[in-house]
Protein backbone atom coordinates (compact mmCIF):
# COMPACT_ATOMS: atom_id res chain seq x y z
CA MET A 1 -17.77 -31.88 -5.24
CA LYS A 2 -17.94 -30.56 -8.80
CA GLN A 3 -15.34 -31.70 -11.28
CA GLN A 4 -13.28 -28.87 -12.76
CA ARG A 5 -14.39 -27.99 -16.26
CA ARG A 6 -12.00 -27.46 -19.15
CA PHE A 7 -12.73 -24.99 -21.93
CA SER A 8 -11.16 -25.05 -25.38
CA ARG A 9 -9.31 -22.04 -26.76
CA GLU A 10 -11.92 -21.72 -29.47
CA PHE A 11 -14.75 -21.59 -26.91
CA LYS A 12 -12.93 -18.98 -24.82
CA ARG A 13 -12.24 -16.87 -27.90
CA GLN A 14 -15.89 -17.05 -28.98
CA VAL A 15 -17.11 -15.97 -25.53
CA VAL A 16 -14.69 -13.02 -25.39
CA GLU A 17 -15.45 -11.94 -28.95
CA GLU A 18 -19.17 -12.01 -28.17
CA LEU A 19 -18.48 -9.83 -25.14
CA LEU A 20 -16.32 -7.37 -27.08
CA SER A 21 -18.75 -7.14 -29.98
CA GLY A 22 -21.51 -6.06 -27.62
CA GLY A 23 -23.69 -9.04 -28.51
CA SER A 24 -24.11 -9.95 -24.86
CA THR A 25 -23.43 -8.36 -21.52
CA PRO A 26 -20.93 -9.92 -19.12
CA ALA A 27 -23.78 -10.98 -16.84
CA GLN A 28 -25.59 -12.72 -19.69
CA LEU A 29 -22.44 -14.60 -20.71
CA MET A 30 -21.68 -15.62 -17.15
CA ARG A 31 -25.19 -17.00 -16.63
CA ARG A 32 -25.40 -18.73 -20.01
CA HIS A 33 -22.02 -20.47 -19.67
CA GLU A 34 -22.00 -20.74 -15.86
CA ILE A 35 -18.65 -18.98 -15.45
CA SER A 36 -17.47 -16.44 -12.90
CA SER A 37 -16.71 -12.79 -13.53
CA GLY A 38 -13.07 -13.42 -12.61
CA LEU A 39 -12.77 -16.14 -15.21
CA LEU A 40 -14.34 -13.94 -17.87
CA SER A 41 -11.93 -11.13 -17.00
CA HIS A 42 -9.01 -13.54 -17.15
CA TRP A 43 -10.06 -14.74 -20.60
CA LYS A 44 -10.46 -11.13 -21.73
CA ARG A 45 -6.87 -10.32 -20.63
CA GLN A 46 -5.58 -13.44 -22.37
CA TYR A 47 -7.46 -12.49 -25.55
CA ALA A 48 -5.98 -8.99 -25.44
CA THR A 49 -2.47 -10.40 -25.47
CA GLY A 50 -3.19 -12.89 -28.27
CA GLY A 51 -3.54 -15.91 -26.02
CA PHE A 52 -6.24 -17.62 -28.09
CA ASP A 53 -4.45 -17.75 -31.45
CA ASN A 54 -5.73 -14.31 -32.28
CA PRO A 55 -3.70 -11.19 -33.14
CA PRO A 56 -3.00 -9.22 -29.98
CA ASN A 57 -5.01 -6.08 -29.44
CA GLN A 58 -2.48 -3.22 -29.20
CA GLU A 59 -4.62 -1.03 -26.95
CA ALA A 60 -5.43 -3.87 -24.59
CA ALA A 61 -1.78 -4.93 -24.53
CA ARG A 62 -0.84 -1.37 -23.55
CA GLU A 63 -3.44 -1.40 -20.78
CA VAL A 64 -1.99 -4.62 -19.41
CA ARG A 65 1.51 -3.11 -19.51
CA VAL A 66 0.33 0.09 -17.80
CA ARG A 67 -1.32 -1.98 -15.06
CA GLN A 68 1.91 -3.92 -14.53
CA LEU A 69 3.94 -0.72 -14.37
CA GLU A 70 1.49 0.87 -11.92
CA GLN A 71 1.86 -2.14 -9.64
CA LEU A 72 5.64 -1.86 -9.87
CA VAL A 73 5.52 1.87 -9.05
CA GLY A 74 3.36 1.11 -6.00
CA LYS A 75 5.76 -1.56 -4.79
CA LEU A 76 8.79 0.68 -5.31
CA THR A 77 7.05 3.56 -3.52
CA LEU A 78 6.40 1.37 -0.47
CA GLU A 79 10.00 0.15 -0.46
CA ASN A 80 11.25 3.73 -0.81
CA GLU A 81 9.14 4.92 2.14
CA PHE A 82 10.34 2.00 4.26
CA LEU A 83 13.97 2.76 3.44
CA LYS A 84 13.52 6.49 4.16
CA LYS A 85 12.13 5.69 7.61
CA ALA A 86 14.96 3.24 8.28
CA VAL A 87 17.58 5.84 7.35
CA GLN A 88 15.87 8.51 9.49
CA ARG A 89 15.84 6.16 12.48
CA SER A 90 19.47 5.23 12.02
CA LEU A 91 20.57 8.88 11.75
CA SER A 92 18.46 10.28 14.59
CA PRO A 93 20.15 10.66 18.00
CA VAL A 94 19.40 7.97 20.52
CA LYS A 95 16.69 9.19 22.87
CA LYS A 96 16.62 7.90 26.39
CA SER A 97 13.13 7.31 27.62
CA SER A 98 12.30 5.63 30.86
CA GLY A 99 9.20 3.90 29.50
CA SER A 100 10.67 2.18 26.47
CA TRP A 101 12.71 -0.53 28.23
CA PRO A 102 11.73 -2.64 31.21
CA PRO A 103 13.65 -1.79 34.38
CA THR A 104 16.80 -3.76 34.92
CA GLY A 105 18.55 -4.42 38.17
CA THR A 106 17.34 -5.34 41.64
CA SER A 107 15.78 -2.10 42.77
CA SER A 108 12.16 -2.99 42.15
CA LYS A 109 10.09 -0.75 44.44
CA THR A 110 6.67 -2.22 43.66
CA SER A 111 5.59 -5.59 44.88
CA LYS A 112 2.48 -7.70 44.58
CA GLY A 113 1.64 -7.24 48.23
CA GLY A 114 1.12 -3.49 48.09
CA ALA A 115 3.05 -0.53 49.57
CA HIS A 116 5.98 -1.01 52.01
């Protein structure tokens, strides 16, 4: 089993700055440093918010905030739809249907042995 590697802030910043400058493609950086695309994306987000002792990038910080707000809107939309359905069910008249509940009582006409 491989031991988990640790990268310094300076190394992470250099990799992200190389990516942002256009000096290398993401694929080239991933191969050269043997890192995953998810890790590179994570470092890029951290860099955008000033996580590597660099000034935060205003545009990237706005993109992160927009992404967070979009996730919140999605969550609230799902909750809203759930609550609407719950209210509709609670306000609708009770419908009696013979197939929704199992029969109760002792008048079971069918048996395992066939017809009577």
